Amino acid sequence: GACRMSWREDAACAGIPVDLFYLEVGNGDPSEAKAVCASCVVREECLSYAVSAPEVFGVWGGLAPKKRRPLRRAALGGV
């Protein structure tokens, strides 16, 4: 079934251009995106979605792709 995405309506990033969260590899500073995430009430839901989807690009739940990889491995049982 489809993943329930209603949490997105409450996300701090709603209405902010997605370019802020999808930086070119090796180009750009994700700190502004992470600052938006830091104040977000659905950050945990967002991060959980990004790990399970999996979203391999962009800042989700306050974490860049490289920081989400270990979480994804742990969710898959250490694979």
C-alpha atoms as a PDB file:
ATOM      1  CA  GLY A   1       0.000   0.000   0.000  1.00  0.00           C
ATOM      2  CA  ALA A   2       0.923   3.639  -0.309  1.00  0.00           C
ATOM      3  CA  CYS A   3       2.868   5.200   2.512  1.00  0.00           C
ATOM      4  CA  ARG A   4       0.724   7.641   4.510  1.00  0.00           C
ATOM      5  CA  MET A   5       2.110  11.078   3.714  1.00  0.00           C
ATOM      6  CA  SER A   6      -0.349  13.366   5.539  1.00  0.00           C
ATOM      7  CA  TRP A   7       2.495  14.498   7.827  1.00  0.00           C
ATOM      8  CA  ARG A   8       3.817  16.552   4.909  1.00  0.00           C
ATOM      9  CA  GLU A   9       0.990  19.052   5.402  1.00  0.00           C
ATOM     10  CA  ASP A  10       2.488  19.961   8.803  1.00  0.00           C
ATOM     11  CA  ALA A  11       6.096  20.062   7.597  1.00  0.00           C
ATOM     12  CA  ALA A  12       8.108  23.229   8.195  1.00  0.00           C
ATOM     13  CA  CYS A  13       9.350  22.984   4.599  1.00  0.00           C
ATOM     14  CA  ALA A  14       5.859  23.156   3.077  1.00  0.00           C
ATOM     15  CA  GLY A  15       5.931  26.039   0.615  1.00  0.00           C
ATOM     16  CA  ILE A  16       9.724  26.383   0.631  1.00  0.00           C
ATOM     17  CA  PRO A  17      11.394  25.757  -2.756  1.00  0.00           C
ATOM     18  CA  VAL A  18      12.653  22.159  -2.903  1.00  0.00           C
ATOM     19  CA  ASP A  19      15.960  23.391  -4.354  1.00  0.00           C
ATOM     20  CA  LEU A  20      16.967  24.279  -0.799  1.00  0.00           C
ATOM     21  CA  PHE A  21      16.796  20.587   0.149  1.00  0.00           C
ATOM     22  CA  TYR A  22      18.270  19.068  -3.033  1.00  0.00           C
ATOM     23  CA  LEU A  23      21.771  20.426  -3.447  1.00  0.00           C
ATOM     24  CA  GLU A  24      24.131  19.331  -6.189  1.00  0.00           C
ATOM     25  CA  VAL A  25      26.678  16.792  -4.956  1.00  0.00           C
ATOM     26  CA  GLY A  26      29.690  18.605  -3.546  1.00  0.00           C
ATOM     27  CA  ASN A  27      28.075  21.977  -4.207  1.00  0.00           C
ATOM     28  CA  GLY A  28      26.088  23.939  -1.692  1.00  0.00           C
ATOM     29  CA  ASP A  29      25.594  24.103   2.050  1.00  0.00           C
ATOM     30  CA  PRO A  30      22.792  22.021   3.599  1.00  0.00           C
ATOM     31  CA  SER A  31      22.823  24.042   6.840  1.00  0.00           C
ATOM     32  CA  GLU A  32      19.904  26.248   5.761  1.00  0.00           C
ATOM     33  CA  ALA A  33      17.767  23.197   4.951  1.00  0.00           C
ATOM     34  CA  LYS A  34      18.776  21.536   8.223  1.00  0.00           C
ATOM     35  CA  ALA A  35      17.785  24.700  10.112  1.00  0.00           C
ATOM     36  CA  VAL A  36      14.274  24.444   8.652  1.00  0.00           C
ATOM     37  CA  CYS A  37      14.152  20.773   9.691  1.00  0.00           C
ATOM     38  CA  ALA A  38      15.337  21.570  13.218  1.00  0.00           C
ATOM     39  CA  SER A  39      12.141  23.501  13.957  1.00  0.00           C
ATOM     40  CA  CYS A  40       9.837  21.000  12.227  1.00  0.00           C
ATOM     41  CA  VAL A  41       7.140  19.197  14.225  1.00  0.00           C
ATOM     42  CA  VAL A  42       7.084  16.193  11.860  1.00  0.00           C
ATOM     43  CA  ARG A  43      10.850  15.744  11.526  1.00  0.00           C
ATOM     44  CA  GLU A  44      10.740  12.184  12.919  1.00  0.00           C
ATOM     45  CA  GLU A  45       8.021  11.121  10.457  1.00  0.00           C
ATOM     46  CA  CYS A  46       9.979  12.685   7.613  1.00  0.00           C
ATOM     47  CA  LEU A  47      13.201  10.925   8.575  1.00  0.00           C
ATOM     48  CA  SER A  48      11.396   7.620   9.008  1.00  0.00           C
ATOM     49  CA  TYR A  49       9.836   7.998   5.564  1.00  0.00           C
ATOM     50  CA  ALA A  50      13.180   8.895   3.953  1.00  0.00           C
ATOM     51  CA  VAL A  51      14.897   5.863   5.473  1.00  0.00           C
ATOM     52  CA  SER A  52      12.159   3.408   4.516  1.00  0.00           C
ATOM     53  CA  ALA A  53      11.308   4.810   1.045  1.00  0.00           C
ATOM     54  CA  PRO A  54      14.346   5.060   0.535  1.00  0.00           C
ATOM     55  CA  GLU A  55      15.003   8.641  -0.479  1.00  0.00           C
ATOM     56  CA  VAL A  56      18.642   8.689  -1.596  1.00  0.00           C
ATOM     57  CA  PHE A  57      18.860  12.401  -2.415  1.00  0.00           C
ATOM     58  CA  GLY A  58      18.151  15.589  -0.503  1.00  0.00           C
ATOM     59  CA  VAL A  59      17.863  16.594   3.128  1.00  0.00           C
ATOM     60  CA  TRP A  60      15.029  14.724   4.870  1.00  0.00           C
ATOM     61  CA  GLY A  61      14.320  14.850   8.589  1.00  0.00           C
ATOM     62  CA  GLY A  62      17.337  17.078   9.064  1.00  0.00           C
ATOM     63  CA  LEU A  63      19.803  14.558   7.660  1.00  0.00           C
ATOM     64  CA  ALA A  64      21.710  14.499   4.381  1.00  0.00           C
ATOM     65  CA  PRO A  65      21.829  11.229   2.379  1.00  0.00           C
ATOM     66  CA  LYS A  66      25.222  10.207   3.762  1.00  0.00           C
ATOM     67  CA  LYS A  67      23.936  10.506   7.334  1.00  0.00           C
ATOM     68  CA  ARG A  68      20.815   8.438   6.517  1.00  0.00           C
ATOM     69  CA  ARG A  69      22.740   5.477   5.054  1.00  0.00           C
ATOM     70  CA  PRO A  70      23.649   3.923   8.447  1.00  0.00           C
ATOM     71  CA  LEU A  71      20.009   4.264   9.549  1.00  0.00           C
ATOM     72  CA  ARG A  72      18.852   2.463   6.398  1.00  0.00           C
ATOM     73  CA  ARG A  73      21.375  -0.340   6.982  1.00  0.00           C
ATOM     74  CA  ALA A  74      20.187  -0.697  10.583  1.00  0.00           C
ATOM     75  CA  ALA A  75      16.548  -0.781   9.454  1.00  0.00           C
ATOM     76  CA  LEU A  76      17.422  -3.567   7.033  1.00  0.00           C
ATOM     77  CA  GLY A  77      19.027  -5.581   9.797  1.00  0.00           C
ATOM     78  CA  GLY A  78      22.614  -4.503   9.254  1.00  0.00           C
ATOM     79  CA  VAL A  79      22.685  -5.191   5.509  1.00  0.00           C
END
